[in-house]
């Protein structure tokens, strides 16, 4: 299956601290965005039983059992 590139523009409404070893360069990496999405998904589904929560989370975001996800 071919990969599709999606580009979008976002506006920050809270402070964002980012950077790397080069002080003149800043970088926002996809794993950081995926981690934030995973965190908020868990927060929104905290009422689910833990086994179902982990199962659905792995379907969406990937994990050790099912491997990588499309996200």
N, C-alpha and C. Protein backbone atom coordinates (compact mmCIF):
# COMPACT_ATOMS: atom_id res chain seq x y z
N UNK A 1 0.85 -1.17 0.00
CA UNK A 1 0.00 0.00 0.00
C UNK A 1 0.90 1.25 0.00
N UNK A 2 0.69 2.16 -0.93
CA UNK A 2 1.53 3.37 -0.99
C UNK A 2 1.23 4.31 0.18
N UNK A 3 2.25 5.02 0.61
CA UNK A 3 2.07 6.00 1.68
C UNK A 3 1.52 7.29 1.09
N UNK A 4 0.71 7.97 1.85
CA UNK A 4 0.15 9.25 1.43
C UNK A 4 0.71 10.33 2.33
N UNK A 5 1.05 11.44 1.75
CA UNK A 5 1.57 12.56 2.53
C UNK A 5 0.42 13.53 2.79
N UNK A 6 0.27 13.91 4.05
CA UNK A 6 -0.75 14.86 4.44
C UNK A 6 -0.05 16.05 5.08
N UNK A 7 -0.33 17.23 4.61
CA UNK A 7 0.25 18.44 5.16
C UNK A 7 -0.86 19.30 5.72
N UNK A 8 -0.67 19.82 6.92
CA UNK A 8 -1.67 20.70 7.49
C UNK A 8 -0.98 21.76 8.33
N UNK A 9 -1.69 22.83 8.57
CA UNK A 9 -1.18 23.96 9.32
C UNK A 9 -1.89 24.01 10.66
N UNK A 10 -1.12 24.19 11.74
CA UNK A 10 -1.68 24.23 13.09
C UNK A 10 -1.32 25.55 13.76
N UNK A 11 -2.16 25.95 14.67
CA UNK A 11 -1.89 27.13 15.48
C UNK A 11 -1.72 26.68 16.93
N UNK A 12 -0.62 27.09 17.55
CA UNK A 12 -0.39 26.74 18.95
C UNK A 12 -1.12 27.73 19.83
N UNK A 13 -1.82 27.20 20.83
CA UNK A 13 -2.53 28.07 21.76
C UNK A 13 -1.93 27.99 23.16
N UNK A 14 -0.92 27.14 23.32
CA UNK A 14 -0.17 27.05 24.58
C UNK A 14 1.32 27.05 24.23
N UNK A 15 2.19 27.31 25.19
CA UNK A 15 3.63 27.29 24.88
C UNK A 15 4.09 25.92 24.39
N UNK A 16 5.03 25.93 23.47
CA UNK A 16 5.62 24.69 22.96
C UNK A 16 7.13 24.83 23.06
N UNK A 17 7.74 23.94 23.80
CA UNK A 17 9.19 23.94 23.95
C UNK A 17 9.74 22.81 23.11
N UNK A 18 10.60 23.13 22.16
CA UNK A 18 11.19 22.10 21.33
C UNK A 18 12.58 22.53 20.92
N UNK A 19 13.36 21.58 20.51
CA UNK A 19 14.72 21.87 20.09
C UNK A 19 15.55 20.61 20.05
N UNK A 20 16.82 20.77 19.75
CA UNK A 20 17.74 19.64 19.73
C UNK A 20 19.13 20.15 20.08
N UNK A 21 20.15 19.38 19.76
CA UNK A 21 21.52 19.75 20.13
C UNK A 21 21.97 21.04 19.47
N UNK A 22 21.44 21.36 18.31
CA UNK A 22 21.79 22.60 17.62
C UNK A 22 20.83 23.69 18.09
N UNK A 23 21.32 24.71 18.78
CA UNK A 23 20.42 25.74 19.32
C UNK A 23 19.71 26.58 18.26
N UNK A 24 20.19 26.53 17.02
CA UNK A 24 19.56 27.30 15.95
C UNK A 24 18.53 26.49 15.17
N UNK A 25 18.28 25.30 15.62
CA UNK A 25 17.38 24.40 14.91
C UNK A 25 16.31 23.91 15.88
N UNK A 26 15.10 23.78 15.42
CA UNK A 26 14.06 23.18 16.25
C UNK A 26 13.34 22.13 15.43
N UNK A 27 12.81 21.16 16.13
CA UNK A 27 12.23 20.02 15.45
C UNK A 27 11.05 19.49 16.25
N UNK A 28 9.97 19.25 15.57
CA UNK A 28 8.81 18.60 16.17
C UNK A 28 8.64 17.28 15.43
N UNK A 29 8.90 16.19 16.12
CA UNK A 29 8.93 14.88 15.48
C UNK A 29 7.57 14.18 15.59
N UNK A 30 7.29 13.34 14.61
CA UNK A 30 6.03 12.59 14.58
C UNK A 30 5.81 11.74 15.83
N UNK A 31 6.85 11.05 16.37
CA UNK A 31 6.61 10.27 17.59
C UNK A 31 6.12 11.12 18.76
N UNK A 32 6.53 12.38 18.82
CA UNK A 32 6.05 13.27 19.88
C UNK A 32 4.56 13.55 19.73
N UNK A 33 4.13 13.77 18.51
CA UNK A 33 2.71 14.02 18.24
C UNK A 33 1.91 12.75 18.54
N UNK A 34 2.42 11.60 18.10
CA UNK A 34 1.74 10.33 18.36
C UNK A 34 1.63 10.06 19.86
N UNK A 35 2.67 10.39 20.61
CA UNK A 35 2.64 10.21 22.06
C UNK A 35 1.58 11.06 22.71
N UNK A 36 1.44 12.30 22.25
CA UNK A 36 0.40 13.18 22.79
C UNK A 36 -0.99 12.66 22.43
N UNK A 37 -1.15 12.18 21.21
CA UNK A 37 -2.44 11.62 20.80
C UNK A 37 -2.80 10.40 21.64
N UNK A 38 -1.80 9.55 21.88
CA UNK A 38 -2.02 8.36 22.71
C UNK A 38 -2.41 8.76 24.13
N UNK A 39 -1.71 9.74 24.71
CA UNK A 39 -2.02 10.22 26.07
C UNK A 39 -3.47 10.68 26.16
N UNK A 40 -3.89 11.53 25.22
CA UNK A 40 -5.24 12.08 25.28
C UNK A 40 -6.29 11.02 24.96
N UNK A 41 -5.95 10.05 24.11
CA UNK A 41 -6.89 8.95 23.85
C UNK A 41 -7.13 8.18 25.14
N UNK A 42 -6.05 7.87 25.88
CA UNK A 42 -6.20 7.17 27.16
C UNK A 42 -7.03 7.99 28.14
N UNK A 43 -6.77 9.29 28.19
CA UNK A 43 -7.50 10.16 29.12
C UNK A 43 -8.99 10.17 28.80
N UNK A 44 -9.34 10.15 27.54
CA UNK A 44 -10.75 10.19 27.14
C UNK A 44 -11.45 8.84 27.30
N UNK A 45 -10.68 7.76 27.40
CA UNK A 45 -11.27 6.42 27.50
C UNK A 45 -10.92 5.73 28.81
N UNK A 46 -10.65 6.51 29.84
CA UNK A 46 -10.25 5.97 31.14
C UNK A 46 -11.32 5.15 31.84
N UNK A 47 -12.55 5.24 31.36
CA UNK A 47 -13.64 4.47 31.98
C UNK A 47 -13.72 3.03 31.48
N UNK A 48 -12.94 2.69 30.46
CA UNK A 48 -12.96 1.33 29.91
C UNK A 48 -12.19 0.38 30.83
N UNK A 49 -12.57 -0.89 30.85
CA UNK A 49 -11.76 -1.88 31.58
C UNK A 49 -10.34 -1.91 30.99
N UNK A 50 -9.33 -2.08 31.84
CA UNK A 50 -7.94 -1.95 31.41
C UNK A 50 -7.58 -2.89 30.26
N UNK A 51 -8.10 -4.12 30.25
CA UNK A 51 -7.78 -5.04 29.16
C UNK A 51 -8.36 -4.56 27.83
N UNK A 52 -9.57 -4.04 27.85
CA UNK A 52 -10.18 -3.49 26.62
C UNK A 52 -9.46 -2.22 26.19
N UNK A 53 -9.08 -1.39 27.16
CA UNK A 53 -8.37 -0.15 26.86
C UNK A 53 -7.07 -0.47 26.12
N UNK A 54 -6.31 -1.40 26.64
CA UNK A 54 -5.03 -1.77 26.00
C UNK A 54 -5.25 -2.38 24.63
N UNK A 55 -6.28 -3.19 24.49
CA UNK A 55 -6.58 -3.83 23.20
C UNK A 55 -6.92 -2.78 22.14
N UNK A 56 -7.82 -1.85 22.47
CA UNK A 56 -8.20 -0.80 21.51
C UNK A 56 -7.03 0.14 21.22
N UNK A 57 -6.27 0.48 22.27
CA UNK A 57 -5.12 1.36 22.09
C UNK A 57 -4.11 0.74 21.12
N UNK A 58 -3.89 -0.56 21.25
CA UNK A 58 -2.95 -1.24 20.37
C UNK A 58 -3.48 -1.30 18.94
N UNK A 59 -4.78 -1.45 18.76
CA UNK A 59 -5.37 -1.43 17.42
C UNK A 59 -5.12 -0.09 16.74
N UNK A 60 -5.26 0.99 17.50
CA UNK A 60 -5.14 2.33 16.94
C UNK A 60 -3.69 2.77 16.79
N UNK A 61 -2.90 2.60 17.86
CA UNK A 61 -1.56 3.17 17.90
C UNK A 61 -0.43 2.16 17.74
N UNK A 62 -0.76 0.88 17.66
CA UNK A 62 0.26 -0.15 17.55
C UNK A 62 0.76 -0.56 18.93
N UNK A 63 1.54 -1.62 18.96
CA UNK A 63 2.06 -2.11 20.22
C UNK A 63 2.91 -3.35 20.01
N UNK A 64 3.27 -4.01 21.10
CA UNK A 64 4.15 -5.17 21.01
C UNK A 64 3.46 -6.39 20.41
N UNK A 65 2.17 -6.51 20.60
CA UNK A 65 1.44 -7.69 20.10
C UNK A 65 1.14 -7.59 18.61
N UNK A 66 0.63 -6.45 18.17
CA UNK A 66 0.18 -6.30 16.78
C UNK A 66 1.14 -5.50 15.91
N UNK A 67 2.23 -5.01 16.48
CA UNK A 67 3.21 -4.27 15.69
C UNK A 67 2.81 -2.83 15.46
N UNK A 68 3.38 -2.25 14.42
CA UNK A 68 3.17 -0.84 14.13
C UNK A 68 1.76 -0.57 13.64
N UNK A 69 1.35 0.67 13.82
CA UNK A 69 0.02 1.07 13.38
C UNK A 69 0.13 1.98 12.16
N UNK A 70 -1.00 2.39 11.65
CA UNK A 70 -1.04 3.32 10.53
C UNK A 70 -0.89 4.76 11.00
N UNK A 71 -1.00 4.97 12.31
CA UNK A 71 -0.92 6.33 12.86
C UNK A 71 0.52 6.74 12.96
